[in-house]
Amino acid sequence: MMDVLQGIGYGIVAFAILVVIGLVVLTKLGDSVAECATDYTYNSTLRQCVNATGGDATDPANSAWVTEGYLKTQLGSTGLTGWIPAIIAVAVGALFLSYFMGRKRR
């Protein structure tokens, strides 16, 4: 039973590493494709277009930057990775149920 739990643990860790790498790559991609209006420059720290006079800041409106933000949201804690606790609970519950069901048959 511990072998199965160890396999599940390795799978979850690998999944988390892939999500983090994906988020970093998507963020850098979004920063590189951001397009600002004429009097604005992109500030990668704020991740917004900042007016040269130091005034207001707005989000870039090009479709690549918007799509990157959407994909990042879908991978983040409100999206795909939000299912990890439920997957762990179901997997551990199934392991315990199969262990106790297997003991009754012997």
PDB file of N, CA and C in Angstrom:
ATOM      1  N   MET A   1       0.813  -1.183   0.000  1.00  0.00           N
ATOM      2  CA  MET A   1       0.000   0.000   0.000  1.00  0.00           C
ATOM      3  C   MET A   1       0.869   1.264   0.000  1.00  0.00           C
ATOM      4  N   MET A   2       1.996   1.221   0.679  1.00  0.00           N
ATOM      5  CA  MET A   2       2.877   2.388   0.715  1.00  0.00           C
ATOM      6  C   MET A   2       3.481   2.665  -0.658  1.00  0.00           C
ATOM      7  N   ASP A   3       3.685   1.602  -1.450  1.00  0.00           N
ATOM      8  CA  ASP A   3       4.216   1.805  -2.797  1.00  0.00           C
ATOM      9  C   ASP A   3       3.241   2.622  -3.647  1.00  0.00           C
ATOM     10  N   VAL A   4       1.973   2.342  -3.490  1.00  0.00           N
ATOM     11  CA  VAL A   4       0.961   3.074  -4.254  1.00  0.00           C
ATOM     12  C   VAL A   4       0.901   4.527  -3.791  1.00  0.00           C
ATOM     13  N   LEU A   5       0.946   4.751  -2.469  1.00  0.00           N
ATOM     14  CA  LEU A   5       0.939   6.111  -1.951  1.00  0.00           C
ATOM     15  C   LEU A   5       2.176   6.889  -2.400  1.00  0.00           C
ATOM     16  N   GLN A   6       3.305   6.191  -2.451  1.00  0.00           N
ATOM     17  CA  GLN A   6       4.526   6.842  -2.904  1.00  0.00           C
ATOM     18  C   GLN A   6       4.409   7.237  -4.382  1.00  0.00           C
ATOM     19  N   GLY A   7       3.824   6.373  -5.183  1.00  0.00           N
ATOM     20  CA  GLY A   7       3.612   6.683  -6.593  1.00  0.00           C
ATOM     21  C   GLY A   7       2.682   7.877  -6.776  1.00  0.00           C
ATOM     22  N   ILE A   8       1.621   7.921  -5.970  1.00  0.00           N
ATOM     23  CA  ILE A   8       0.702   9.068  -6.034  1.00  0.00           C
ATOM     24  C   ILE A   8       1.421  10.348  -5.626  1.00  0.00           C
ATOM     25  N   GLY A   9       2.244  10.257  -4.587  1.00  0.00           N
ATOM     26  CA  GLY A   9       3.012  11.429  -4.136  1.00  0.00           C
ATOM     27  C   GLY A   9       3.951  11.945  -5.204  1.00  0.00           C
ATOM     28  N   TYR A  10       4.669  11.032  -5.878  1.00  0.00           N
ATOM     29  CA  TYR A  10       5.572  11.450  -6.958  1.00  0.00           C
ATOM     30  C   TYR A  10       4.791  12.091  -8.105  1.00  0.00           C
ATOM     31  N   GLY A  11       3.647  11.543  -8.418  1.00  0.00           N
ATOM     32  CA  GLY A  11       2.822  12.111  -9.485  1.00  0.00           C
ATOM     33  C   GLY A  11       2.352  13.512  -9.152  1.00  0.00           C
ATOM     34  N   ILE A  12       1.934  13.744  -7.911  1.00  0.00           N
ATOM     35  CA  ILE A  12       1.458  15.060  -7.494  1.00  0.00           C
ATOM     36  C   ILE A  12       2.601  16.073  -7.505  1.00  0.00           C
ATOM     37  N   VAL A  13       3.777  15.661  -7.027  1.00  0.00           N
ATOM     38  CA  VAL A  13       4.935  16.565  -7.035  1.00  0.00           C
ATOM     39  C   VAL A  13       5.321  16.918  -8.465  1.00  0.00           C
ATOM     40  N   ALA A  14       5.344  15.928  -9.361  1.00  0.00           N
ATOM     41  CA  ALA A  14       5.682  16.203 -10.765  1.00  0.00           C
ATOM     42  C   ALA A  14       4.652  17.135 -11.401  1.00  0.00           C
ATOM     43  N   PHE A  15       3.383  16.931 -11.092  1.00  0.00           N
ATOM     44  CA  PHE A  15       2.326  17.789 -11.618  1.00  0.00           C
ATOM     45  C   PHE A  15       2.494  19.223 -11.123  1.00  0.00           C
ATOM     46  N   ALA A  16       2.809  19.385  -9.837  1.00  0.00           N
ATOM     47  CA  ALA A  16       2.989  20.723  -9.277  1.00  0.00           C
ATOM     48  C   ALA A  16       4.184  21.428  -9.914  1.00  0.00           C
ATOM     49  N   ILE A  17       5.266  20.694 -10.155  1.00  0.00           N
ATOM     50  CA  ILE A  17       6.446  21.284 -10.800  1.00  0.00           C
ATOM     51  C   ILE A  17       6.108  21.720 -12.216  1.00  0.00           C
ATOM     52  N   LEU A  18       5.378  20.898 -12.955  1.00  0.00           N
ATOM     53  CA  LEU A  18       4.985  21.275 -14.313  1.00  0.00           C
ATOM     54  C   LEU A  18       4.093  22.511 -14.322  1.00  0.00           C
ATOM     55  N   VAL A  19       3.176  22.622 -13.372  1.00  0.00           N
ATOM     56  CA  VAL A  19       2.298  23.789 -13.310  1.00  0.00           C
ATOM     57  C   VAL A  19       3.105  25.052 -13.014  1.00  0.00           C
ATOM     58  N   VAL A  20       4.051  24.965 -12.081  1.00  0.00           N
ATOM     59  CA  VAL A  20       4.866  26.135 -11.737  1.00  0.00           C
ATOM     60  C   VAL A  20       5.714  26.565 -12.931  1.00  0.00           C
ATOM     61  N   ILE A  21       6.338  25.616 -13.608  1.00  0.00           N
ATOM     62  CA  ILE A  21       7.131  25.949 -14.796  1.00  0.00           C
ATOM     63  C   ILE A  21       6.236  26.558 -15.867  1.00  0.00           C
ATOM     64  N   GLY A  22       5.055  26.001 -16.057  1.00  0.00           N
ATOM     65  CA  GLY A  22       4.117  26.551 -17.029  1.00  0.00           C
ATOM     66  C   GLY A  22       3.704  27.970 -16.692  1.00  0.00           C
ATOM     67  N   LEU A  23       3.469  28.251 -15.406  1.00  0.00           N
ATOM     68  CA  LEU A  23       3.095  29.604 -15.001  1.00  0.00           C
ATOM     69  C   LEU A  23       4.221  30.600 -15.250  1.00  0.00           C
ATOM     70  N   VAL A  24       5.454  30.192 -14.964  1.00  0.00           N
ATOM     71  CA  VAL A  24       6.595  31.085 -15.192  1.00  0.00           C
ATOM     72  C   VAL A  24       6.766  31.369 -16.678  1.00  0.00           C
ATOM     73  N   VAL A  25       6.678  30.321 -17.489  1.00  0.00           N
ATOM     74  CA  VAL A  25       6.835  30.500 -18.935  1.00  0.00           C
ATOM     75  C   VAL A  25       5.718  31.372 -19.499  1.00  0.00           C
ATOM     76  N   LEU A  26       4.478  31.138 -19.076  1.00  0.00           N
ATOM     77  CA  LEU A  26       3.369  31.950 -19.562  1.00  0.00           C
ATOM     78  C   LEU A  26       3.500  33.416 -19.141  1.00  0.00           C
ATOM     79  N   THR A  27       3.969  33.654 -17.917  1.00  0.00           N
ATOM     80  CA  THR A  27       4.156  35.029 -17.466  1.00  0.00           C
ATOM     81  C   THR A  27       5.205  35.741 -18.300  1.00  0.00           C
ATOM     82  N   LYS A  28       6.329  35.079 -18.545  1.00  0.00           N
ATOM     83  CA  LYS A  28       7.387  35.687 -19.363  1.00  0.00           C
ATOM     84  C   LYS A  28       6.910  35.904 -20.800  1.00  0.00           C
ATOM     85  N   LEU A  29       6.138  34.962 -21.330  1.00  0.00           N
ATOM     86  CA  LEU A  29       5.592  35.120 -22.674  1.00  0.00           C
ATOM     87  C   LEU A  29       4.640  36.314 -22.729  1.00  0.00           C
ATOM     88  N   GLY A  30       3.776  36.444 -21.738  1.00  0.00           N
ATOM     89  CA  GLY A  30       2.861  37.572 -21.695  1.00  0.00           C
ATOM     90  C   GLY A  30       3.589  38.901 -21.597  1.00  0.00           C
ATOM     91  N   ASP A  31       4.674  38.939 -20.809  1.00  0.00           N
ATOM     92  CA  ASP A  31       5.457  40.172 -20.706  1.00  0.00           C
ATOM     93  C   ASP A  31       6.112  40.529 -22.037  1.00  0.00           C
ATOM     94  N   SER A  32       6.524  39.524 -22.791  1.00  0.00           N
ATOM     95  CA  SER A  32       7.225  39.815 -24.039  1.00  0.00           C
ATOM     96  C   SER A  32       6.283  40.228 -25.169  1.00  0.00           C
ATOM     97  N   VAL A  33       5.010  39.878 -25.094  1.00  0.00           N
ATOM     98  CA  VAL A  33       4.080  40.223 -26.180  1.00  0.00           C
ATOM     99  C   VAL A  33       3.154  41.388 -25.833  1.00  0.00           C
ATOM    100  N   ALA A  34       3.318  41.962 -24.646  1.00  0.00           N
ATOM    101  CA  ALA A  34       2.434  43.061 -24.240  1.00  0.00           C
ATOM    102  C   ALA A  34       2.641  44.272 -25.137  1.00  0.00           C
ATOM    103  N   GLU A  35       1.548  44.841 -25.566  1.00  0.00           N
ATOM    104  CA  GLU A  35       1.579  46.038 -26.411  1.00  0.00           C
ATOM    105  C   GLU A  35       0.815  47.145 -25.704  1.00  0.00           C
ATOM    106  N   CYS A  36       1.437  48.322 -25.647  1.00  0.00           N
ATOM    107  CA  CYS A  36       0.819  49.447 -24.960  1.00  0.00           C
ATOM    108  C   CYS A  36       0.435  50.533 -25.958  1.00  0.00           C
ATOM    109  N   ALA A  37      -0.400  51.454 -25.492  1.00  0.00           N
ATOM    110  CA  ALA A  37      -0.797  52.600 -26.326  1.00  0.00           C
ATOM    111  C   ALA A  37       0.415  53.493 -26.567  1.00  0.00           C
ATOM    112  N   THR A  38       0.225  54.532 -27.341  1.00  0.00           N
ATOM    113  CA  THR A  38       1.347  55.355 -27.807  1.00  0.00           C
ATOM    114  C   THR A  38       2.158  55.989 -26.692  1.00  0.00           C
ATOM    115  N   ASP A  39       1.548  56.603 -25.730  1.00  0.00           N
ATOM    116  CA  ASP A  39       2.284  57.318 -24.684  1.00  0.00           C
ATOM    117  C   ASP A  39       2.592  56.442 -23.473  1.00  0.00           C
ATOM    118  N   TYR A  40       2.416  55.155 -23.598  1.00  0.00           N
ATOM    119  CA  TYR A  40       2.612  54.257 -22.466  1.00  0.00           C
ATOM    120  C   TYR A  40       3.778  53.306 -22.733  1.00  0.00           C
ATOM    121  N   THR A  41       4.434  52.879 -21.669  1.00  0.00           N
ATOM    122  CA  THR A  41       5.474  51.853 -21.762  1.00  0.00           C
ATOM    123  C   THR A  41       5.105  50.717 -20.811  1.00  0.00           C
ATOM    124  N   TYR A  42       5.512  49.513 -21.176  1.00  0.00           N
ATOM    125  CA  TYR A  42       5.167  48.346 -20.362  1.00  0.00           C
ATOM    126  C   TYR A  42       6.140  48.214 -19.207  1.00  0.00           C
ATOM    127  N   ASN A  43       5.632  48.085 -18.007  1.00  0.00           N
ATOM    128  CA  ASN A  43       6.437  47.870 -16.806  1.00  0.00           C
ATOM    129  C   ASN A  43       6.244  46.422 -16.383  1.00  0.00           C
ATOM    130  N   SER A  44       7.296  45.600 -16.503  1.00  0.00           N
ATOM    131  CA  SER A  44       7.168  44.171 -16.212  1.00  0.00           C
ATOM    132  C   SER A  44       7.025  43.897 -14.718  1.00  0.00           C
ATOM    133  N   THR A  45       7.439  44.820 -13.870  1.00  0.00           N
ATOM    134  CA  THR A  45       7.260  44.635 -12.432  1.00  0.00           C
ATOM    135  C   THR A  45       5.789  44.779 -12.050  1.00  0.00           C
ATOM    136  N   LEU A  46       5.159  45.823 -12.574  1.00  0.00           N
ATOM    137  CA  LEU A  46       3.732  46.044 -12.313  1.00  0.00           C
ATOM    138  C   LEU A  46       2.848  45.203 -13.214  1.00  0.00           C
ATOM    139  N   ARG A  47       3.406  44.759 -14.355  1.00  0.00           N
ATOM    140  CA  ARG A  47       2.694  44.039 -15.395  1.00  0.00           C
ATOM    141  C   ARG A  47       1.545  44.879 -15.939  1.00  0.00           C
ATOM    142  N   GLN A  48       1.827  46.170 -16.133  1.00  0.00           N
ATOM    143  CA  GLN A  48       0.858  47.105 -16.678  1.00  0.00           C
ATOM    144  C   GLN A  48       1.563  48.110 -17.576  1.00  0.00           C
ATOM    145  N   CYS A  49       0.773  48.797 -18.391  1.00  0.00           N
ATOM    146  CA  CYS A  49       1.283  49.891 -19.211  1.00  0.00           C
ATOM    147  C   CYS A  49       1.224  51.158 -18.365  1.00  0.00           C
ATOM    148  N   VAL A  50       2.365  51.818 -18.215  1.00  0.00           N
ATOM    149  CA  VAL A  50       2.464  52.994 -17.361  1.00  0.00           C
ATOM    150  C   VAL A  50       2.682  54.222 -18.236  1.00  0.00           C
ATOM    151  N   ASN A  51       1.989  55.292 -17.908  1.00  0.00           N
ATOM    152  CA  ASN A  51       2.144  56.548 -18.626  1.00  0.00           C
ATOM    153  C   ASN A  51       3.535  57.113 -18.360  1.00  0.00           C
ATOM    154  N   ALA A  52       4.153  57.721 -19.360  1.00  0.00           N
ATOM    155  CA  ALA A  52       5.513  58.241 -19.230  1.00  0.00           C
ATOM    156  C   ALA A  52       5.603  59.364 -18.199  1.00  0.00           C
ATOM    157  N   THR A  53       4.520  60.067 -17.969  1.00  0.00           N
ATOM    158  CA  THR A  53       4.538  61.150 -16.986  1.00  0.00           C
ATOM    159  C   THR A  53       4.340  60.638 -15.562  1.00  0.00           C
ATOM    160  N   GLY A  54       4.189  59.333 -15.397  1.00  0.00           N
ATOM    161  CA  GLY A  54       4.018  58.761 -14.065  1.00  0.00           C
ATOM    162  C   GLY A  54       2.580  58.765 -13.585  1.00  0.00           C
ATOM    163  N   GLY A  55       1.670  58.956 -14.489  1.00  0.00           N
ATOM    164  CA  GLY A  55       0.254  59.026 -14.132  1.00  0.00           C
ATOM    165  C   GLY A  55      -0.370  57.650 -13.970  1.00  0.00           C
ATOM    166  N   ASP A  56      -1.422  57.433 -14.717  1.00  0.00           N
ATOM    167  CA  ASP A  56      -2.205  56.211 -14.554  1.00  0.00           C
ATOM    168  C   ASP A  56      -1.530  55.001 -15.199  1.00  0.00           C
ATOM    169  N   ALA A  57      -2.002  53.823 -14.819  1.00  0.00           N
ATOM    170  CA  ALA A  57      -1.501  52.557 -15.369  1.00  0.00           C
ATOM    171  C   ALA A  57      -2.699  51.746 -15.852  1.00  0.00           C
ATOM    172  N   THR A  58      -2.554  51.123 -17.009  1.00  0.00           N
ATOM    173  CA  THR A  58      -3.619  50.297 -17.575  1.00  0.00           C
ATOM    174  C   THR A  58      -3.052  48.953 -18.004  1.00  0.00           C
ATOM    175  N   ASP A  59      -3.935  47.994 -18.154  1.00  0.00           N
ATOM    176  CA  ASP A  59      -3.515  46.685 -18.653  1.00  0.00           C
ATOM    177  C   ASP A  59      -3.363  46.734 -20.167  1.00  0.00           C
ATOM    178  N   PRO A  60      -2.405  45.982 -20.710  1.00  0.00           N
ATOM    179  CA  PRO A  60      -2.320  45.880 -22.169  1.00  0.00           C
ATOM    180  C   PRO A  60      -3.599  45.233 -22.705  1.00  0.00           C
ATOM    181  N   ALA A  61      -4.010  45.620 -23.897  1.00  0.00           N
ATOM    182  CA  ALA A  61      -5.281  45.143 -24.429  1.00  0.00           C
ATOM    183  C   ALA A  61      -5.121  44.162 -25.586  1.00  0.00           C
ATOM    184  N   ASN A  62      -3.867  43.842 -25.971  1.00  0.00           N
ATOM    185  CA  ASN A  62      -3.724  42.925 -27.104  1.00  0.00           C
ATOM    186  C   ASN A  62      -4.153  41.516 -26.700  1.00  0.00           C
ATOM    187  N   SER A  63      -4.613  40.766 -27.676  1.00  0.00           N
ATOM    188  CA  SER A  63      -5.230  39.462 -27.393  1.00  0.00           C
ATOM    189  C   SER A  63      -4.245  38.452 -26.818  1.00  0.00           C
ATOM    190  N   ALA A  64      -2.972  38.509 -27.192  1.00  0.00           N
ATOM    191  CA  ALA A  64      -1.987  37.554 -26.658  1.00  0.00           C
ATOM    192  C   ALA A  64      -1.793  37.759 -25.164  1.00  0.00           C
ATOM    193  N   TRP A  65      -1.728  39.005 -24.704  1.00  0.00           N
ATOM    194  CA  TRP A  65      -1.544  39.279 -23.279  1.00  0.00           C
ATOM    195  C   TRP A  65      -2.775  38.862 -22.496  1.00  0.00           C
ATOM    196  N   VAL A  66      -3.947  39.123 -23.033  1.00  0.00           N
ATOM    197  CA  VAL A  66      -5.203  38.761 -22.359  1.00  0.00           C
ATOM    198  C   VAL A  66      -5.337  37.240 -22.274  1.00  0.00           C
ATOM    199  N   THR A  67      -4.992  36.539 -23.350  1.00  0.00           N
ATOM    200  CA  THR A  67      -5.064  35.076 -23.361  1.00  0.00           C
ATOM    201  C   THR A  67      -4.084  34.471 -22.374  1.00  0.00           C
ATOM    202  N   GLU A  68      -2.898  35.044 -22.276  1.00  0.00           N
ATOM    203  CA  GLU A  68      -1.909  34.565 -21.302  1.00  0.00           C
ATOM    204  C   GLU A  68      -2.443  34.708 -19.888  1.00  0.00           C
ATOM    205  N   GLY A  69      -3.078  35.825 -19.587  1.00  0.00           N
ATOM    206  CA  GLY A  69      -3.660  36.018 -18.264  1.00  0.00           C
ATOM    207  C   GLY A  69      -4.762  35.010 -17.968  1.00  0.00           C
ATOM    208  N   TYR A  70      -5.581  34.711 -18.969  1.00  0.00           N
ATOM    209  CA  TYR A  70      -6.647  33.723 -18.798  1.00  0.00           C
ATOM    210  C   TYR A  70      -6.073  32.326 -18.544  1.00  0.00           C
ATOM    211  N   LEU A  71      -5.069  31.942 -19.336  1.00  0.00           N
ATOM    212  CA  LEU A  71      -4.456  30.619 -19.153  1.00  0.00           C
ATOM    213  C   LEU A  71      -3.776  30.509 -17.798  1.00  0.00           C
ATOM    214  N   LYS A  72      -3.149  31.587 -17.361  1.00  0.00           N
ATOM    215  CA  LYS A  72      -2.499  31.573 -16.059  1.00  0.00           C
ATOM    216  C   LYS A  72      -3.530  31.395 -14.955  1.00  0.00           C
ATOM    217  N   THR A  73      -4.694  32.006 -15.113  1.00  0.00           N
ATOM    218  CA  THR A  73      -5.764  31.845 -14.132  1.00  0.00           C
ATOM    219  C   THR A  73      -6.275  30.403 -14.115  1.00  0.00           C
ATOM    220  N   GLN A  74      -6.379  29.792 -15.290  1.00  0.00           N
ATOM    221  CA  GLN A  74      -6.864  28.417 -15.371  1.00  0.00           C
ATOM    222  C   GLN A  74      -5.881  27.423 -14.770  1.00  0.00           C
ATOM    223  N   LEU A  75      -4.585  27.715 -14.808  1.00  0.00           N
ATOM    224  CA  LEU A  75      -3.593  26.829 -14.196  1.00  0.00           C
ATOM    225  C   LEU A  75      -3.432  27.098 -12.712  1.00  0.00           C
ATOM    226  N   GLY A  76      -3.757  28.289 -12.269  1.00  0.00           N
ATOM    227  CA  GLY A  76      -3.511  28.685 -10.892  1.00  0.00           C
ATOM    228  C   GLY A  76      -4.431  28.021  -9.898  1.00  0.00           C
ATOM    229  N   SER A  77      -4.457  28.562  -8.688  1.00  0.00           N
ATOM    230  CA  SER A  77      -5.172  27.921  -7.587  1.00  0.00           C
ATOM    231  C   SER A  77      -6.675  27.854  -7.807  1.00  0.00           C
ATOM    232  N   THR A  78      -7.231  28.714  -8.634  1.00  0.00           N
ATOM    233  CA  THR A  78      -8.669  28.652  -8.872  1.00  0.00           C
ATOM    234  C   THR A  78      -9.016  27.703 -10.012  1.00  0.00           C
ATOM    235  N   GLY A  79      -8.023  27.217 -10.718  1.00  0.00           N
ATOM    236  CA  GLY A  79      -8.277  26.369 -11.874  1.00  0.00           C
ATOM    237  C   GLY A  79      -7.859  24.927 -11.648  1.00  0.00           C
ATOM    238  N   LEU A  80      -6.957  24.469 -12.496  1.00  0.00           N
ATOM    239  CA  LEU A  80      -6.553  23.067 -12.525  1.00  0.00           C
ATOM    240  C   LEU A  80      -5.923  22.606 -11.220  1.00  0.00           C
ATOM    241  N   THR A  81      -5.042  23.392 -10.636  1.00  0.00           N
ATOM    242  CA  THR A  81      -4.379  22.962  -9.405  1.00  0.00           C
ATOM    243  C   THR A  81      -5.314  22.964  -8.206  1.00  0.00           C
ATOM    244  N   GLY A  82      -6.463  23.597  -8.308  1.00  0.00           N
ATOM    245  CA  GLY A  82      -7.435  23.559  -7.228  1.00  0.00           C
ATOM    246  C   GLY A  82      -8.054  22.183  -7.029  1.00  0.00           C
ATOM    247  N   TRP A  83      -7.907  21.304  -8.014  1.00  0.00           N
ATOM    248  CA  TRP A  83      -8.447  19.945  -7.908  1.00  0.00           C
ATOM    249  C   TRP A  83      -7.510  18.987  -7.187  1.00  0.00           C
ATOM    250  N   ILE A  84      -6.268  19.369  -6.938  1.00  0.00           N
ATOM    251  CA  ILE A  84      -5.287  18.452  -6.339  1.00  0.00           C
ATOM    252  C   ILE A  84      -5.733  17.920  -4.978  1.00  0.00           C
ATOM    253  N   PRO A  85      -6.226  18.741  -4.040  1.00  0.00           N
ATOM    254  CA  PRO A  85      -6.669  18.170  -2.760  1.00  0.00           C
ATOM    255  C   PRO A  85      -7.792  17.136  -2.917  1.00  0.00           C
ATOM    256  N   ALA A  86      -8.703  17.374  -3.834  1.00  0.00           N
ATOM    257  CA  ALA A  86      -9.788  16.410  -4.051  1.00  0.00           C
ATOM    258  C   ALA A  86      -9.237  15.103  -4.630  1.00  0.00           C
ATOM    259  N   ILE A  87      -8.286  15.191  -5.534  1.00  0.00           N
ATOM    260  CA  ILE A  87      -7.683  13.994  -6.120  1.00  0.00           C
ATOM    261  C   ILE A  87      -6.940  13.200  -5.054  1.00  0.00           C
ATOM    262  N   ILE A  88      -6.218  13.874  -4.167  1.00  0.00           N
ATOM    263  CA  ILE A  88      -5.502  13.194  -3.084  1.00  0.00           C
ATOM    264  C   ILE A  88      -6.495  12.487  -2.168  1.00  0.00           C
ATOM    265  N   ALA A  89      -7.554  13.168  -1.785  1.00  0.00           N
ATOM    266  CA  ALA A  89      -8.540  12.567  -0.876  1.00  0.00           C
ATOM    267  C   ALA A  89      -9.193  11.341  -1.499  1.00  0.00           C
ATOM    268  N   VAL A  90      -9.561  11.417  -2.757  1.00  0.00           N
ATOM    269  CA  VAL A  90     -10.197  10.282  -3.429  1.00  0.00           C
ATOM    270  C   VAL A  90      -9.215   9.108  -3.565  1.00  0.00           C
ATOM    271  N   ALA A  91      -7.968   9.402  -3.909  1.00  0.00           N
ATOM    272  CA  ALA A  91      -6.975   8.334  -4.085  1.00  0.00           C
ATOM    273  C   ALA A  91      -6.681   7.624  -2.768  1.00  0.00           C
ATOM    274  N   VAL A  92      -6.504   8.388  -1.697  1.00  0.00           N
ATOM    275  CA  VAL A  92      -6.229   7.774  -0.393  1.00  0.00           C
ATOM    276  C   VAL A  92      -7.449   7.003   0.095  1.00  0.00           C
ATOM    277  N   GLY A  93      -8.634   7.549  -0.098  1.00  0.00           N
ATOM    278  CA  GLY A  93      -9.849   6.834   0.285  1.00  0.00           C
ATOM    279  C   GLY A  93     -10.010   5.525  -0.475  1.00  0.00           C
ATOM    280  N   ALA A  94      -9.715   5.544  -1.771  1.00  0.00           N
ATOM    281  CA  ALA A  94      -9.804   4.320  -2.569  1.00  0.00           C
ATOM    282  C   ALA A  94      -8.781   3.295  -2.119  1.00  0.00           C
ATOM    283  N   LEU A  95      -7.593   3.747  -1.736  1.00  0.00           N
ATOM    284  CA  LEU A  95      -6.578   2.809  -1.240  1.00  0.00           C
ATOM    285  C   LEU A  95      -7.030   2.129   0.049  1.00  0.00           C
ATOM    286  N   PHE A  96      -7.559   2.908   0.981  1.00  0.00           N
ATOM    287  CA  PHE A  96      -8.017   2.317   2.235  1.00  0.00           C
ATOM    288  C   PHE A  96      -9.209   1.391   2.020  1.00  0.00           C
ATOM    289  N   LEU A  97     -10.141   1.781   1.172  1.00  0.00           N
ATOM    290  CA  LEU A  97     -11.276   0.903   0.889  1.00  0.00           C
ATOM    291  C   LEU A  97     -10.825  -0.403   0.252  1.00  0.00           C
ATOM    292  N   SER A  98      -9.912  -0.315  -0.700  1.00  0.00           N
ATOM    293  CA  SER A  98      -9.439  -1.547  -1.340  1.00  0.00           C
ATOM    294  C   SER A  98      -8.657  -2.412  -0.356  1.00  0.00           C
ATOM    295  N   TYR A  99      -7.929  -1.807   0.574  1.00  0.00           N
ATOM    296  CA  TYR A  99      -7.189  -2.578   1.575  1.00  0.00           C
ATOM    297  C   TYR A  99      -8.151  -3.340   2.480  1.00  0.00           C
ATOM    298  N   PHE A 100      -9.181  -2.674   2.987  1.00  0.00           N
ATOM    299  CA  PHE A 100     -10.113  -3.336   3.893  1.00  0.00           C
ATOM    300  C   PHE A 100     -11.020  -4.325   3.166  1.00  0.00           C
ATOM    301  N   MET A 101     -11.364  -4.050   1.931  1.00  0.00           N
ATOM    302  CA  MET A 101     -12.173  -5.002   1.151  1.00  0.00           C
ATOM    303  C   MET A 101     -11.347  -6.248   0.839  1.00  0.00           C
ATOM    304  N   GLY A 102     -10.060  -6.065   0.592  1.00  0.00           N
ATOM    305  CA  GLY A 102      -9.186  -7.200   0.307  1.00  0.00           C
ATOM    306  C   GLY A 102      -8.978  -8.079   1.522  1.00  0.00           C
ATOM    307  N   ARG A 103      -8.986  -7.515   2.702  1.00  0.00           N
ATOM    308  CA  ARG A 103      -8.803  -8.286   3.936  1.00  0.00           C
ATOM    309  C   ARG A 103     -10.021  -9.175   4.190  1.00  0.00           C
ATOM    310  N   LYS A 104     -11.224  -8.752   3.853  1.00  0.00           N
ATOM    311  CA  LYS A 104     -12.424  -9.550   4.097  1.00  0.00           C
ATOM    312  C   LYS A 104     -12.483 -10.773   3.209  1.00  0.00           C
ATOM    313  N   ARG A 105     -11.879 -10.732   2.053  1.00  0.00           N
ATOM    314  CA  ARG A 105     -11.954 -11.856   1.113  1.00  0.00           C
ATOM    315  C   ARG A 105     -11.007 -12.973   1.481  1.00  0.00           C
ATOM    316  N   ARG A 106     -10.017 -12.735   2.299  1.00  0.00           N
ATOM    317  CA  ARG A 106      -9.039 -13.769   2.645  1.00  0.00           C
ATOM    318  C   ARG A 106      -9.528 -14.733   3.650  1.00  0.00           C
TER     319      ARG A 106
END
